[in-house]
Amino acid sequence: SGWRRLALDEAGGGDPEAPSRAVRTLLCERVAERLGVDASELDVRRKGRVPFLWVAGRPAAADLSLSHHGDWLAFACELGTVSS
């Protein structure tokens, strides 16, 4: 899990998708450290409103929860067996 404040340069000047992008980036950076891979190998995709983690272009065994409110970002991730 992880959290941090949304930086001013991430706020997107009123772009409503900016916080969503920022929390996905935060998750990818932190999970990449844990998996020992580069963050560029990770992607968060959605099926409807449900986020899924992809590693090296393949779906990963992981459960995700992403949140943003005001200038706060947070995520929780339960990793299963993930292979890159």
Protein backbone atom coordinates (compact mmCIF):
# COMPACT_ATOMS: atom_id res chain seq x y z
CA SER A 1 0.00 0.00 0.00
CA GLY A 2 1.07 3.59 -0.36
CA TRP A 3 -0.09 7.17 -0.23
CA ARG A 4 1.13 10.68 -0.90
CA ARG A 5 -0.09 14.16 -1.75
CA LEU A 6 -0.78 15.11 -5.33
CA ALA A 7 1.95 17.47 -6.53
CA LEU A 8 0.90 20.75 -8.13
CA ASP A 9 2.47 19.76 -11.45
CA GLU A 10 0.35 16.57 -11.44
CA ALA A 11 -2.95 18.38 -10.91
CA GLY A 12 -3.32 18.80 -14.65
CA GLY A 13 -4.71 22.34 -14.64
CA GLY A 14 -8.28 21.18 -14.15
CA ASP A 15 -7.94 17.90 -16.09
CA PRO A 16 -10.36 15.57 -14.27
CA GLU A 17 -8.27 12.51 -15.23
CA ALA A 18 -5.01 13.86 -13.75
CA PRO A 19 -5.51 12.42 -10.22
CA SER A 20 -6.38 9.00 -11.70
CA ARG A 21 -3.20 9.02 -13.78
CA ALA A 22 -1.16 10.13 -10.77
CA VAL A 23 -2.43 7.35 -8.49
CA ARG A 24 -1.79 4.73 -11.20
CA THR A 25 1.74 6.07 -11.58
CA LEU A 26 2.26 5.92 -7.81
CA LEU A 27 1.09 2.30 -7.72
CA CYS A 28 3.33 1.30 -10.64
CA GLU A 29 6.39 2.96 -9.09
CA ARG A 30 5.91 1.31 -5.69
CA VAL A 31 4.92 -2.13 -6.99
CA ALA A 32 7.80 -2.13 -9.49
CA GLU A 33 10.22 -1.69 -6.56
CA ARG A 34 8.66 -4.67 -4.82
CA LEU A 35 8.79 -6.84 -7.95
CA GLY A 36 12.30 -5.72 -8.91
CA VAL A 37 11.23 -4.50 -12.36
CA ASP A 38 11.14 -1.14 -14.07
CA ALA A 39 7.92 0.82 -13.56
CA SER A 40 7.59 1.09 -17.35
CA GLU A 41 6.83 -2.66 -17.41
CA LEU A 42 3.69 -2.13 -15.32
CA ASP A 43 0.35 -0.81 -16.44
CA VAL A 44 -3.02 -0.37 -14.77
CA ARG A 45 -5.95 -1.09 -17.05
CA ARG A 46 -9.66 -1.02 -16.29
CA LYS A 47 -12.57 -3.29 -17.04
CA GLY A 48 -15.44 -0.91 -16.43
CA ARG A 49 -14.44 0.79 -13.18
CA VAL A 50 -12.32 -2.10 -11.85
CA PRO A 51 -8.52 -1.67 -12.09
CA PHE A 52 -6.23 -4.56 -13.05
CA LEU A 53 -2.42 -4.75 -12.97
CA TRP A 54 -0.52 -5.81 -16.07
CA VAL A 55 3.17 -6.76 -16.05
CA ALA A 56 5.15 -6.81 -19.30
CA GLY A 57 1.92 -6.74 -21.32
CA ARG A 58 0.26 -9.62 -19.47
CA PRO A 59 -2.40 -9.62 -16.73
CA ALA A 60 -0.94 -10.10 -13.25
CA ALA A 61 -2.40 -11.95 -10.29
CA ALA A 62 -3.11 -8.90 -8.15
CA ASP A 63 -6.04 -7.19 -6.46
CA LEU A 64 -6.00 -3.38 -6.56
CA SER A 65 -7.78 -0.52 -4.87
CA LEU A 66 -7.02 3.03 -6.03
CA SER A 67 -8.23 6.24 -4.46
CA HIS A 68 -7.84 9.98 -4.86
CA HIS A 69 -9.62 12.74 -3.00
CA GLY A 70 -8.65 16.38 -3.02
CA ASP A 71 -4.87 16.41 -3.17
CA TRP A 72 -4.40 12.92 -1.66
CA LEU A 73 -3.59 9.72 -3.53
CA ALA A 74 -3.67 6.19 -2.09
CA PHE A 75 -3.58 2.59 -3.22
CA ALA A 76 -3.66 -0.95 -1.86
CA CYS A 77 -2.35 -3.93 -3.80
CA GLU A 78 -2.41 -7.61 -2.89
CA LEU A 79 0.06 -9.47 -5.08
CA GLY A 80 -0.49 -13.08 -6.00
CA THR A 81 2.01 -14.98 -8.12
CA VAL A 82 3.31 -12.41 -10.59
CA SER A 83 5.77 -13.39 -13.29
CA SER A 84 7.34 -10.99 -15.76
